[in-house]
Amino acid sequence: MLSRVKDYILDHEFRLTLLEERFFAINFSKIVALEESRVSFLTSYGRVVVKGKNFVLQRLLDSEVLVGGEVLGVEVFYE
């Protein structure tokens, strides 16, 4: 169990979790755009764009964000 906790703490990979009427993103380098219909993240491997409707920022920490709204699609641009 200790190794699982260590892996969680040391994990720096970008993750996007889609939930009902919201999404959660962690371990991004920068938020490039935060709009009502689009949120764009800069990650270690490129840019990730989440498209949708009625996006509202619910929580923002250093490298974590929770956004409410309807997700319609996700695009990844590898760089």
Protein backbone atom coordinates (compact mmCIF):
# COMPACT_ATOMS: atom_id res chain seq x y z
CA MET A 1 0.00 0.00 0.00
CA LEU A 2 2.88 2.39 0.73
CA SER A 3 4.17 1.96 -2.83
CA ARG A 4 0.74 2.97 -4.21
CA VAL A 5 0.77 6.15 -2.14
CA LYS A 6 4.32 6.90 -3.29
CA ASP A 7 3.35 6.32 -6.94
CA TYR A 8 0.37 8.69 -6.54
CA ILE A 9 2.47 11.43 -4.97
CA LEU A 10 5.26 11.16 -7.55
CA ASP A 11 2.93 10.88 -10.57
CA HIS A 12 3.39 13.84 -12.93
CA GLU A 13 1.50 12.52 -15.96
CA PHE A 14 -1.41 14.62 -17.30
CA ARG A 15 -4.79 13.11 -16.49
CA LEU A 16 -8.25 14.12 -17.63
CA THR A 17 -11.23 12.59 -15.87
CA LEU A 18 -14.67 13.06 -17.41
CA LEU A 19 -17.56 13.00 -14.98
CA GLU A 20 -21.25 13.71 -15.42
CA GLU A 21 -21.58 17.45 -16.15
CA ARG A 22 -17.93 18.25 -15.25
CA PHE A 23 -14.31 17.27 -15.78
CA PHE A 24 -11.19 17.17 -13.66
CA ALA A 25 -7.65 17.72 -15.00
CA ILE A 26 -4.36 17.32 -13.15
CA ASN A 27 -0.64 17.63 -13.87
CA PHE A 28 -0.84 20.17 -16.70
CA SER A 29 1.88 22.76 -17.38
CA LYS A 30 -0.43 25.66 -18.13
CA ILE A 31 -4.05 26.57 -18.90
CA VAL A 32 -3.87 28.22 -22.32
CA ALA A 33 -7.58 29.11 -22.62
CA LEU A 34 -10.52 28.99 -20.22
CA GLU A 35 -13.74 29.90 -22.01
CA GLU A 36 -17.42 29.00 -21.74
CA SER A 37 -17.12 26.45 -24.56
CA ARG A 38 -13.42 25.51 -24.54
CA VAL A 39 -10.59 24.80 -22.11
CA SER A 40 -7.08 24.29 -23.48
CA PHE A 41 -4.18 22.78 -21.49
CA LEU A 42 -0.48 22.68 -22.25
CA THR A 43 0.91 19.31 -21.13
CA SER A 44 4.30 17.61 -21.27
CA TYR A 45 3.42 15.96 -24.62
CA GLY A 46 1.34 18.65 -26.32
CA ARG A 47 -1.93 20.51 -26.07
CA VAL A 48 -5.27 19.09 -24.92
CA VAL A 49 -8.48 20.94 -25.77
CA VAL A 50 -11.78 20.12 -24.07
CA LYS A 51 -14.84 21.42 -25.95
CA GLY A 52 -18.32 21.74 -24.54
CA LYS A 53 -21.07 24.03 -23.29
CA ASN A 54 -21.62 26.16 -20.20
CA PHE A 55 -18.17 25.62 -18.69
CA VAL A 56 -17.78 27.12 -15.22
CA LEU A 57 -14.60 27.01 -13.16
CA GLN A 58 -15.39 25.19 -9.90
CA ARG A 59 -11.92 24.65 -8.42
CA LEU A 60 -8.42 25.77 -9.38
CA LEU A 61 -5.16 24.74 -7.71
CA ASP A 62 -1.55 24.85 -8.95
CA SER A 63 -1.87 21.95 -11.39
CA GLU A 64 -5.45 20.80 -10.80
CA VAL A 65 -8.72 22.15 -12.14
CA LEU A 66 -12.38 21.14 -11.84
CA VAL A 67 -14.70 22.55 -14.49
CA GLY A 68 -18.48 22.16 -14.55
CA GLY A 69 -20.47 21.97 -17.78
CA GLU A 70 -21.29 19.62 -20.63
CA VAL A 71 -18.27 18.04 -22.36
CA LEU A 72 -18.82 17.47 -26.08
CA GLY A 73 -15.34 16.39 -27.13
CA VAL A 74 -11.61 16.23 -26.43
CA GLU A 75 -8.81 16.92 -28.93
CA VAL A 76 -5.12 16.18 -28.44
CA PHE A 77 -2.38 17.94 -30.42
CA TYR A 78 0.98 16.21 -29.98
CA GLU A 79 4.06 18.42 -30.16
